[in-house]
Amino acid sequence: METCSCHKTKKRSEEEYKSLIHRLNRIEGQIRGIRGMVEKDAYCPDILVQVAAANAALNAFNKELLANHIRTCGAQDIRDGKDETIDELVATLQKLMK
């Protein structure tokens, strides 16, 4: 669904929306917790473990979002013959794998 020639949007199901927002809220809490650890002079390895957990949570968010995108927008665009979608997916994967 395009809103203008330069920005795309996607209408998500209520289930997908709630799942993504739930993950983001948890990640936001983890980040606040890490900041609190720094403010309280926590031991570096303890902070690093929490940062690793936050990174894992962000990766899980990315996996869910990407899978939903491929199953919905990506698959439909490919069925509709929009080959540029494949290039977009490849570029996105390359950015995620840096």
PDB file of N, CA and C in Angstrom:
ATOM      1  N   MET A   1       0.847  -1.169   0.000  1.00  0.00           N
ATOM      2  CA  MET A   1       0.000   0.000   0.000  1.00  0.00           C
ATOM      3  C   MET A   1       0.897   1.238   0.000  1.00  0.00           C
ATOM      4  N   GLU A   2       0.783   2.070  -0.984  1.00  0.00           N
ATOM      5  CA  GLU A   2       1.625   3.252  -1.071  1.00  0.00           C
ATOM      6  C   GLU A   2       0.812   4.486  -0.722  1.00  0.00           C
ATOM      7  N   THR A   3       1.434   5.383   0.058  1.00  0.00           N
ATOM      8  CA  THR A   3       0.770   6.623   0.416  1.00  0.00           C
ATOM      9  C   THR A   3       1.207   7.770  -0.494  1.00  0.00           C
ATOM     10  N   CYS A   4       2.391   7.665  -1.070  1.00  0.00           N
ATOM     11  CA  CYS A   4       2.882   8.631  -2.036  1.00  0.00           C
ATOM     12  C   CYS A   4       3.975   7.945  -2.841  1.00  0.00           C
ATOM     13  N   SER A   5       4.571   8.650  -3.765  1.00  0.00           N
ATOM     14  CA  SER A   5       5.561   8.004  -4.617  1.00  0.00           C
ATOM     15  C   SER A   5       6.879   7.708  -3.898  1.00  0.00           C
ATOM     16  N   CYS A   6       7.076   8.253  -2.695  1.00  0.00           N
ATOM     17  CA  CYS A   6       8.367   8.084  -2.041  1.00  0.00           C
ATOM     18  C   CYS A   6       8.305   7.296  -0.740  1.00  0.00           C
ATOM     19  N   HIS A   7       7.132   7.048  -0.184  1.00  0.00           N
ATOM     20  CA  HIS A   7       7.028   6.346   1.100  1.00  0.00           C
ATOM     21  C   HIS A   7       6.014   5.214   0.988  1.00  0.00           C
ATOM     22  N   LYS A   8       6.413   4.047   1.460  1.00  0.00           N
ATOM     23  CA  LYS A   8       5.499   2.914   1.501  1.00  0.00           C
ATOM     24  C   LYS A   8       5.059   2.717   2.937  1.00  0.00           C
ATOM     25  N   THR A   9       3.867   2.210   3.114  1.00  0.00           N
ATOM     26  CA  THR A   9       3.364   1.860   4.437  1.00  0.00           C
ATOM     27  C   THR A   9       2.759   0.474   4.359  1.00  0.00           C
ATOM     28  N   LYS A  10       2.481  -0.090   5.527  1.00  0.00           N
ATOM     29  CA  LYS A  10       1.852  -1.405   5.560  1.00  0.00           C
ATOM     30  C   LYS A  10       0.820  -1.427   6.664  1.00  0.00           C
ATOM     31  N   LYS A  11      -0.366  -1.875   6.343  1.00  0.00           N
ATOM     32  CA  LYS A  11      -1.401  -2.078   7.346  1.00  0.00           C
ATOM     33  C   LYS A  11      -1.197  -3.465   7.931  1.00  0.00           C
ATOM     34  N   ARG A  12      -0.869  -3.527   9.230  1.00  0.00           N
ATOM     35  CA  ARG A  12      -0.607  -4.796   9.897  1.00  0.00           C
ATOM     36  C   ARG A  12      -1.867  -5.318  10.568  1.00  0.00           C
ATOM     37  N   SER A  13      -1.949  -6.636  10.678  1.00  0.00           N
ATOM     38  CA  SER A  13      -3.058  -7.223  11.418  1.00  0.00           C
ATOM     39  C   SER A  13      -2.910  -6.827  12.887  1.00  0.00           C
ATOM     40  N   GLU A  14      -4.011  -6.907  13.607  1.00  0.00           N
ATOM     41  CA  GLU A  14      -3.986  -6.584  15.036  1.00  0.00           C
ATOM     42  C   GLU A  14      -3.019  -7.507  15.778  1.00  0.00           C
ATOM     43  N   GLU A  15      -2.997  -8.775  15.408  1.00  0.00           N
ATOM     44  CA  GLU A  15      -2.103  -9.746  16.044  1.00  0.00           C
ATOM     45  C   GLU A  15      -0.632  -9.400  15.799  1.00  0.00           C
ATOM     46  N   GLU A  16      -0.296  -9.085  14.535  1.00  0.00           N
ATOM     47  CA  GLU A  16       1.086  -8.728  14.215  1.00  0.00           C
ATOM     48  C   GLU A  16       1.485  -7.448  14.942  1.00  0.00           C
ATOM     49  N   TYR A  17       0.613  -6.461  14.916  1.00  0.00           N
ATOM     50  CA  TYR A  17       0.877  -5.188  15.575  1.00  0.00           C
ATOM     51  C   TYR A  17       1.156  -5.394  17.063  1.00  0.00           C
ATOM     52  N   LYS A  18       0.284  -6.137  17.744  1.00  0.00           N
ATOM     53  CA  LYS A  18       0.448  -6.362  19.180  1.00  0.00           C
ATOM     54  C   LYS A  18       1.740  -7.103  19.480  1.00  0.00           C
ATOM     55  N   SER A  19       2.078  -8.091  18.673  1.00  0.00           N
ATOM     56  CA  SER A  19       3.297  -8.857  18.884  1.00  0.00           C
ATOM     57  C   SER A  19       4.532  -7.977  18.735  1.00  0.00           C
ATOM     58  N   LEU A  20       4.567  -7.169  17.692  1.00  0.00           N
ATOM     59  CA  LEU A  20       5.720  -6.289  17.464  1.00  0.00           C
ATOM     60  C   LEU A  20       5.849  -5.241  18.566  1.00  0.00           C
ATOM     61  N   ILE A  21       4.741  -4.635  18.946  1.00  0.00           N
ATOM     62  CA  ILE A  21       4.768  -3.617  20.005  1.00  0.00           C
ATOM     63  C   ILE A  21       5.194  -4.247  21.329  1.00  0.00           C
ATOM     64  N   HIS A  22       4.722  -5.463  21.606  1.00  0.00           N
ATOM     65  CA  HIS A  22       5.119  -6.163  22.837  1.00  0.00           C
ATOM     66  C   HIS A  22       6.633  -6.363  22.855  1.00  0.00           C
ATOM     67  N   ARG A  23       7.188  -6.820  21.739  1.00  0.00           N
ATOM     68  CA  ARG A  23       8.646  -7.019  21.660  1.00  0.00           C
ATOM     69  C   ARG A  23       9.382  -5.695  21.870  1.00  0.00           C
ATOM     70  N   LEU A  24       8.911  -4.643  21.211  1.00  0.00           N
ATOM     71  CA  LEU A  24       9.570  -3.334  21.348  1.00  0.00           C
ATOM     72  C   LEU A  24       9.488  -2.809  22.774  1.00  0.00           C
ATOM     73  N   ASN A  25       8.369  -3.015  23.437  1.00  0.00           N
ATOM     74  CA  ASN A  25       8.246  -2.575  24.833  1.00  0.00           C
ATOM     75  C   ASN A  25       9.246  -3.311  25.723  1.00  0.00           C
ATOM     76  N   ARG A  26       9.416  -4.610  25.481  1.00  0.00           N
ATOM     77  CA  ARG A  26      10.385  -5.377  26.261  1.00  0.00           C
ATOM     78  C   ARG A  26      11.799  -4.885  25.991  1.00  0.00           C
ATOM     79  N   ILE A  27      12.115  -4.622  24.729  1.00  0.00           N
ATOM     80  CA  ILE A  27      13.451  -4.127  24.365  1.00  0.00           C
ATOM     81  C   ILE A  27      13.690  -2.763  25.004  1.00  0.00           C
ATOM     82  N   GLU A  28      12.690  -1.912  24.967  1.00  0.00           N
ATOM     83  CA  GLU A  28      12.809  -0.594  25.576  1.00  0.00           C
ATOM     84  C   GLU A  28      13.103  -0.728  27.077  1.00  0.00           C
ATOM     85  N   GLY A  29      12.443  -1.660  27.726  1.00  0.00           N
ATOM     86  CA  GLY A  29      12.697  -1.911  29.138  1.00  0.00           C
ATOM     87  C   GLY A  29      14.116  -2.410  29.384  1.00  0.00           C
ATOM     88  N   GLN A  30      14.583  -3.273  28.488  1.00  0.00           N
ATOM     89  CA  GLN A  30      15.960  -3.762  28.617  1.00  0.00           C
ATOM     90  C   GLN A  30      16.957  -2.619  28.494  1.00  0.00           C
ATOM     91  N   ILE A  31      16.729  -1.729  27.543  1.00  0.00           N
ATOM     92  CA  ILE A  31      17.638  -0.594  27.342  1.00  0.00           C
ATOM     93  C   ILE A  31      17.625   0.327  28.561  1.00  0.00           C
ATOM     94  N   ARG A  32      16.440   0.578  29.101  1.00  0.00           N
ATOM     95  CA  ARG A  32      16.366   1.399  30.329  1.00  0.00           C
ATOM     96  C   ARG A  32      17.119   0.718  31.473  1.00  0.00           C
ATOM     97  N   GLY A  33      16.999  -0.610  31.547  1.00  0.00           N
ATOM     98  CA  GLY A  33      17.719  -1.356  32.573  1.00  0.00           C
ATOM     99  C   GLY A  33      19.224  -1.240  32.416  1.00  0.00           C
ATOM    100  N   ILE A  34      19.692  -1.291  31.185  1.00  0.00           N
ATOM    101  CA  ILE A  34      21.131  -1.150  30.921  1.00  0.00           C
ATOM    102  C   ILE A  34      21.600   0.245  31.328  1.00  0.00           C
ATOM    103  N   ARG A  35      20.822   1.259  30.978  1.00  0.00           N
ATOM    104  CA  ARG A  35      21.189   2.617  31.377  1.00  0.00           C
ATOM    105  C   ARG A  35      21.257   2.723  32.893  1.00  0.00           C
ATOM    106  N   GLY A  36      20.298   2.103  33.571  1.00  0.00           N
ATOM    107  CA  GLY A  36      20.309   2.104  35.033  1.00  0.00           C
ATOM    108  C   GLY A  36      21.545   1.419  35.594  1.00  0.00           C
ATOM    109  N   MET A  37      21.968   0.333  34.958  1.00  0.00           N
ATOM    110  CA  MET A  37      23.179  -0.358  35.400  1.00  0.00           C
ATOM    111  C   MET A  37      24.399   0.552  35.270  1.00  0.00           C
ATOM    112  N   VAL A  38      24.487   1.279  34.156  1.00  0.00           N
ATOM    113  CA  VAL A  38      25.608   2.204  33.953  1.00  0.00           C
ATOM    114  C   VAL A  38      25.559   3.308  35.007  1.00  0.00           C
ATOM    115  N   GLU A  39      24.367   3.853  35.235  1.00  0.00           N
ATOM    116  CA  GLU A  39      24.212   4.926  36.223  1.00  0.00           C
ATOM    117  C   GLU A  39      24.583   4.461  37.627  1.00  0.00           C
ATOM    118  N   LYS A  40      24.391   3.175  37.905  1.00  0.00           N
ATOM    119  CA  LYS A  40      24.692   2.637  39.238  1.00  0.00           C
ATOM    120  C   LYS A  40      26.064   1.981  39.306  1.00  0.00           C
ATOM    121  N   ASP A  41      26.892   2.245  38.272  1.00  0.00           N
ATOM    122  CA  ASP A  41      28.260   1.730  38.241  1.00  0.00           C
ATOM    123  C   ASP A  41      28.333   0.206  38.336  1.00  0.00           C
ATOM    124  N   ALA A  42      27.440  -0.471  37.634  1.00  0.00           N
ATOM    125  CA  ALA A  42      27.449  -1.941  37.638  1.00  0.00           C
ATOM    126  C   ALA A  42      28.735  -2.457  36.998  1.00  0.00           C
ATOM    127  N   TYR A  43      29.059  -3.679  37.309  1.00  0.00           N
ATOM    128  CA  TYR A  43      30.258  -4.346  36.807  1.00  0.00           C
ATOM    129  C   TYR A  43      30.129  -4.537  35.286  1.00  0.00           C
ATOM    130  N   CYS A  44      31.189  -4.197  34.550  1.00  0.00           N
ATOM    131  CA  CYS A  44      31.161  -4.208  33.078  1.00  0.00           C
ATOM    132  C   CYS A  44      30.640  -5.522  32.476  1.00  0.00           C
ATOM    133  N   PRO A  45      31.153  -6.688  32.908  1.00  0.00           N
ATOM    134  CA  PRO A  45      30.642  -7.925  32.320  1.00  0.00           C
ATOM    135  C   PRO A  45      29.134  -8.114  32.522  1.00  0.00           C
ATOM    136  N   ASP A  46      28.607  -7.646  33.649  1.00  0.00           N
ATOM    137  CA  ASP A  46      27.169  -7.750  33.888  1.00  0.00           C
ATOM    138  C   ASP A  46      26.388  -6.889  32.890  1.00  0.00           C
ATOM    139  N   ILE A  47      26.916  -5.707  32.616  1.00  0.00           N
ATOM    140  CA  ILE A  47      26.275  -4.829  31.629  1.00  0.00           C
ATOM    141  C   ILE A  47      26.356  -5.465  30.246  1.00  0.00           C
ATOM    142  N   LEU A  48      27.519  -5.992  29.918  1.00  0.00           N
ATOM    143  CA  LEU A  48      27.700  -6.603  28.592  1.00  0.00           C
ATOM    144  C   LEU A  48      26.743  -7.773  28.366  1.00  0.00           C
ATOM    145  N   VAL A  49      26.472  -8.541  29.394  1.00  0.00           N
ATOM    146  CA  VAL A  49      25.520  -9.653  29.277  1.00  0.00           C
ATOM    147  C   VAL A  49      24.123  -9.104  28.958  1.00  0.00           C
ATOM    148  N   GLN A  50      23.762  -8.014  29.612  1.00  0.00           N
ATOM    149  CA  GLN A  50      22.447  -7.418  29.352  1.00  0.00           C
ATOM    150  C   GLN A  50      22.375  -6.808  27.951  1.00  0.00           C
ATOM    151  N   VAL A  51      23.477  -6.226  27.483  1.00  0.00           N
ATOM    152  CA  VAL A  51      23.523  -5.690  26.118  1.00  0.00           C
ATOM    153  C   VAL A  51      23.361  -6.823  25.109  1.00  0.00           C
ATOM    154  N   ALA A  52      24.008  -7.952  25.370  1.00  0.00           N
ATOM    155  CA  ALA A  52      23.872  -9.108  24.486  1.00  0.00           C
ATOM    156  C   ALA A  52      22.419  -9.577  24.446  1.00  0.00           C
ATOM    157  N   ALA A  53      21.751  -9.564  25.583  1.00  0.00           N
ATOM    158  CA  ALA A  53      20.335  -9.961  25.627  1.00  0.00           C
ATOM    159  C   ALA A  53      19.475  -8.982  24.828  1.00  0.00           C
ATOM    160  N   ALA A  54      19.770  -7.687  24.929  1.00  0.00           N
ATOM    161  CA  ALA A  54      19.022  -6.686  24.166  1.00  0.00           C
ATOM    162  C   ALA A  54      19.272  -6.868  22.663  1.00  0.00           C
ATOM    163  N   ASN A  55      20.518  -7.152  22.293  1.00  0.00           N
ATOM    164  CA  ASN A  55      20.823  -7.418  20.872  1.00  0.00           C
ATOM    165  C   ASN A  55      20.056  -8.634  20.371  1.00  0.00           C
ATOM    166  N   ALA A  56      19.988  -9.673  21.180  1.00  0.00           N
ATOM    167  CA  ALA A  56      19.249 -10.872  20.794  1.00  0.00           C
ATOM    168  C   ALA A  56      17.762 -10.555  20.626  1.00  0.00           C
ATOM    169  N   ALA A  57      17.237  -9.719  21.496  1.00  0.00           N
ATOM    170  CA  ALA A  57      15.833  -9.330  21.398  1.00  0.00           C
ATOM    171  C   ALA A  57      15.577  -8.516  20.125  1.00  0.00           C
ATOM    172  N   LEU A  58      16.504  -7.611  19.780  1.00  0.00           N
ATOM    173  CA  LEU A  58      16.370  -6.853  18.529  1.00  0.00           C
ATOM    174  C   LEU A  58      16.451  -7.775  17.319  1.00  0.00           C
ATOM    175  N   ASN A  59      17.343  -8.760  17.368  1.00  0.00           N
ATOM    176  CA  ASN A  59      17.439  -9.719  16.267  1.00  0.00           C
ATOM    177  C   ASN A  59      16.152 -10.521  16.120  1.00  0.00           C
ATOM    178  N   ALA A  60      15.555 -10.915  17.241  1.00  0.00           N
ATOM    179  CA  ALA A  60      14.286 -11.647  17.189  1.00  0.00           C
ATOM    180  C   ALA A  60      13.187 -10.765  16.605  1.00  0.00           C
ATOM    181  N   PHE A  61      13.177  -9.484  16.960  1.00  0.00           N
ATOM    182  CA  PHE A  61      12.216  -8.533  16.383  1.00  0.00           C
ATOM    183  C   PHE A  61      12.406  -8.465  14.870  1.00  0.00           C
ATOM    184  N   ASN A  62      13.671  -8.314  14.433  1.00  0.00           N
ATOM    185  CA  ASN A  62      13.960  -8.248  13.001  1.00  0.00           C
ATOM    186  C   ASN A  62      13.499  -9.504  12.276  1.00  0.00           C
ATOM    187  N   LYS A  63      13.746 -10.671  12.856  1.00  0.00           N
ATOM    188  CA  LYS A  63      13.339 -11.931  12.223  1.00  0.00           C
ATOM    189  C   LYS A  63      11.825 -11.993  12.049  1.00  0.00           C
ATOM    190  N   GLU A  64      11.101 -11.609  13.095  1.00  0.00           N
ATOM    191  CA  GLU A  64       9.635 -11.634  13.017  1.00  0.00           C
ATOM    192  C   GLU A  64       9.125 -10.653  11.970  1.00  0.00           C
ATOM    193  N   LEU A  65       9.660  -9.445  11.985  1.00  0.00           N
ATOM    194  CA  LEU A  65       9.222  -8.420  11.041  1.00  0.00           C
ATOM    195  C   LEU A  65       9.548  -8.823   9.601  1.00  0.00           C
ATOM    196  N   LEU A  66      10.755  -9.334   9.382  1.00  0.00           N
ATOM    197  CA  LEU A  66      11.157  -9.754   8.046  1.00  0.00           C
ATOM    198  C   LEU A  66      10.310 -10.921   7.560  1.00  0.00           C
ATOM    199  N   ALA A  67      10.067 -11.898   8.415  1.00  0.00           N
ATOM    200  CA  ALA A  67       9.239 -13.045   8.019  1.00  0.00           C
ATOM    201  C   ALA A  67       7.840 -12.595   7.646  1.00  0.00           C
ATOM    202  N   ASN A  68       7.264 -11.710   8.440  1.00  0.00           N
ATOM    203  CA  ASN A  68       5.929 -11.186   8.120  1.00  0.00           C
ATOM    204  C   ASN A  68       5.949 -10.440   6.794  1.00  0.00           C
ATOM    205  N   HIS A  69       6.988  -9.668   6.564  1.00  0.00           N
ATOM    206  CA  HIS A  69       7.093  -8.909   5.321  1.00  0.00           C
ATOM    207  C   HIS A  69       7.181  -9.840   4.111  1.00  0.00           C
ATOM    208  N   ILE A  70       8.022 -10.855   4.213  1.00  0.00           N
ATOM    209  CA  ILE A  70       8.185 -11.786   3.093  1.00  0.00           C
ATOM    210  C   ILE A  70       6.875 -12.515   2.813  1.00  0.00           C
ATOM    211  N   ARG A  71       6.180 -12.956   3.868  1.00  0.00           N
ATOM    212  CA  ARG A  71       4.932 -13.703   3.699  1.00  0.00           C
ATOM    213  C   ARG A  71       3.801 -12.853   3.128  1.00  0.00           C
ATOM    214  N   THR A  72       3.834 -11.563   3.377  1.00  0.00           N
ATOM    215  CA  THR A  72       2.718 -10.707   2.948  1.00  0.00           C
ATOM    216  C   THR A  72       3.135  -9.858   1.751  1.00  0.00           C
ATOM    217  N   CYS A  73       3.735  -8.732   2.000  1.00  0.00           N
ATOM    218  CA  CYS A  73       4.099  -7.784   0.929  1.00  0.00           C
ATOM    219  C   CYS A  73       5.001  -8.424  -0.120  1.00  0.00           C
ATOM    220  N   GLY A  74       6.063  -9.074   0.335  1.00  0.00           N
ATOM    221  CA  GLY A  74       7.033  -9.641  -0.592  1.00  0.00           C
ATOM    222  C   GLY A  74       6.412 -10.686  -1.498  1.00  0.00           C
ATOM    223  N   ALA A  75       5.715 -11.630  -0.914  1.00  0.00           N
ATOM    224  CA  ALA A  75       5.103 -12.700  -1.713  1.00  0.00           C
ATOM    225  C   ALA A  75       4.090 -12.141  -2.699  1.00  0.00           C
ATOM    226  N   GLN A  76       3.275 -11.196  -2.246  1.00  0.00           N
ATOM    227  CA  GLN A  76       2.259 -10.627  -3.147  1.00  0.00           C
ATOM    228  C   GLN A  76       2.904  -9.857  -4.293  1.00  0.00           C
ATOM    229  N   ASP A  77       3.922  -9.068  -3.989  1.00  0.00           N
ATOM    230  CA  ASP A  77       4.618  -8.311  -5.039  1.00  0.00           C
ATOM    231  C   ASP A  77       5.237  -9.258  -6.064  1.00  0.00           C
ATOM    232  N   ILE A  78       5.840 -10.341  -5.598  1.00  0.00           N
ATOM    233  CA  ILE A  78       6.462 -11.297  -6.523  1.00  0.00           C
ATOM    234  C   ILE A  78       5.390 -11.963  -7.380  1.00  0.00           C
ATOM    235  N   ARG A  79       4.265 -12.338  -6.763  1.00  0.00           N
ATOM    236  CA  ARG A  79       3.145 -12.903  -7.535  1.00  0.00           C
ATOM    237  C   ARG A  79       2.646 -11.911  -8.582  1.00  0.00           C
ATOM    238  N   ASP A  80       2.701 -10.623  -8.231  1.00  0.00           N
ATOM    239  CA  ASP A  80       2.237  -9.572  -9.160  1.00  0.00           C
ATOM    240  C   ASP A  80       3.289  -9.214 -10.199  1.00  0.00           C
ATOM    241  N   GLY A  81       4.426  -9.915 -10.187  1.00  0.00           N
ATOM    242  CA  GLY A  81       5.463  -9.678 -11.184  1.00  0.00           C
ATOM    243  C   GLY A  81       6.379  -8.508 -10.894  1.00  0.00           C
ATOM    244  N   LYS A  82       6.390  -8.022  -9.668  1.00  0.00           N
ATOM    245  CA  LYS A  82       7.246  -6.891  -9.299  1.00  0.00           C
ATOM    246  C   LYS A  82       8.610  -7.425  -8.891  1.00  0.00           C
ATOM    247  N   ASP A  83       9.465  -7.643  -9.874  1.00  0.00           N
ATOM    248  CA  ASP A  83      10.782  -8.226  -9.623  1.00  0.00           C
ATOM    249  C   ASP A  83      11.683  -7.333  -8.777  1.00  0.00           C
ATOM    250  N   GLU A  84      11.422  -6.043  -8.743  1.00  0.00           N
ATOM    251  CA  GLU A  84      12.236  -5.138  -7.930  1.00  0.00           C
ATOM    252  C   GLU A  84      12.117  -5.476  -6.439  1.00  0.00           C
ATOM    253  N   THR A  85      11.062  -6.176  -6.074  1.00  0.00           N
ATOM    254  CA  THR A  85      10.897  -6.602  -4.683  1.00  0.00           C
ATOM    255  C   THR A  85      12.007  -7.556  -4.269  1.00  0.00           C
ATOM    256  N   ILE A  86      12.448  -8.395  -5.179  1.00  0.00           N
ATOM    257  CA  ILE A  86      13.544  -9.320  -4.878  1.00  0.00           C
ATOM    258  C   ILE A  86      14.811  -8.530  -4.586  1.00  0.00           C
ATOM    259  N   ASP A  87      15.092  -7.519  -5.404  1.00  0.00           N
ATOM    260  CA  ASP A  87      16.264  -6.668  -5.156  1.00  0.00           C
ATOM    261  C   ASP A  87      16.151  -5.967  -3.798  1.00  0.00           C
ATOM    262  N   GLU A  88      14.954  -5.510  -3.464  1.00  0.00           N
ATOM    263  CA  GLU A  88      14.736  -4.852  -2.182  1.00  0.00           C
ATOM    264  C   GLU A  88      14.989  -5.822  -1.030  1.00  0.00           C
ATOM    265  N   LEU A  89      14.505  -7.049  -1.153  1.00  0.00           N
ATOM    266  CA  LEU A  89      14.731  -8.053  -0.114  1.00  0.00           C
ATOM    267  C   LEU A  89      16.215  -8.378   0.034  1.00  0.00           C
ATOM    268  N   VAL A  90      16.909  -8.528  -1.082  1.00  0.00           N
ATOM    269  CA  VAL A  90      18.345  -8.812  -1.041  1.00  0.00           C
ATOM    270  C   VAL A  90      19.086  -7.662  -0.360  1.00  0.00           C
ATOM    271  N   ALA A  91      18.759  -6.435  -0.721  1.00  0.00           N
ATOM    272  CA  ALA A  91      19.410  -5.263  -0.107  1.00  0.00           C
ATOM    273  C   ALA A  91      19.128  -5.211   1.390  1.00  0.00           C
ATOM    274  N   THR A  92      17.912  -5.513   1.766  1.00  0.00           N
ATOM    275  CA  THR A  92      17.553  -5.518   3.190  1.00  0.00           C
ATOM    276  C   THR A  92      18.333  -6.581   3.944  1.00  0.00           C
ATOM    277  N   LEU A  93      18.410  -7.786   3.388  1.00  0.00           N
ATOM    278  CA  LEU A  93      19.174  -8.854   4.034  1.00  0.00           C
ATOM    279  C   LEU A  93      20.645  -8.489   4.164  1.00  0.00           C
ATOM    280  N   GLN A  94      21.191  -7.850   3.142  1.00  0.00           N
ATOM    281  CA  GLN A  94      22.601  -7.448   3.199  1.00  0.00           C
ATOM    282  C   GLN A  94      22.823  -6.436   4.328  1.00  0.00           C
ATOM    283  N   LYS A  95      21.889  -5.515   4.512  1.00  0.00           N
ATOM    284  CA  LYS A  95      22.011  -4.542   5.608  1.00  0.00           C
ATOM    285  C   LYS A  95      21.896  -5.212   6.964  1.00  0.00           C
ATOM    286  N   LEU A  96      21.008  -6.208   7.072  1.00  0.00           N
ATOM    287  CA  LEU A  96      20.824  -6.897   8.346  1.00  0.00           C
ATOM    288  C   LEU A  96      22.021  -7.755   8.717  1.00  0.00           C
ATOM    289  N   MET A  97      22.797  -8.189   7.718  1.00  0.00           N
ATOM    290  CA  MET A  97      23.909  -9.101   7.967  1.00  0.00           C
ATOM    291  C   MET A  97      25.240  -8.392   8.155  1.00  0.00           C
ATOM    292  N   LYS A  98      25.239  -7.078   8.250  1.00  0.00           N
ATOM    293  CA  LYS A  98      26.493  -6.351   8.460  1.00  0.00           C
ATOM    294  C   LYS A  98      27.067  -6.658   9.812  1.00  0.00           C
TER     295      LYS A  98
END
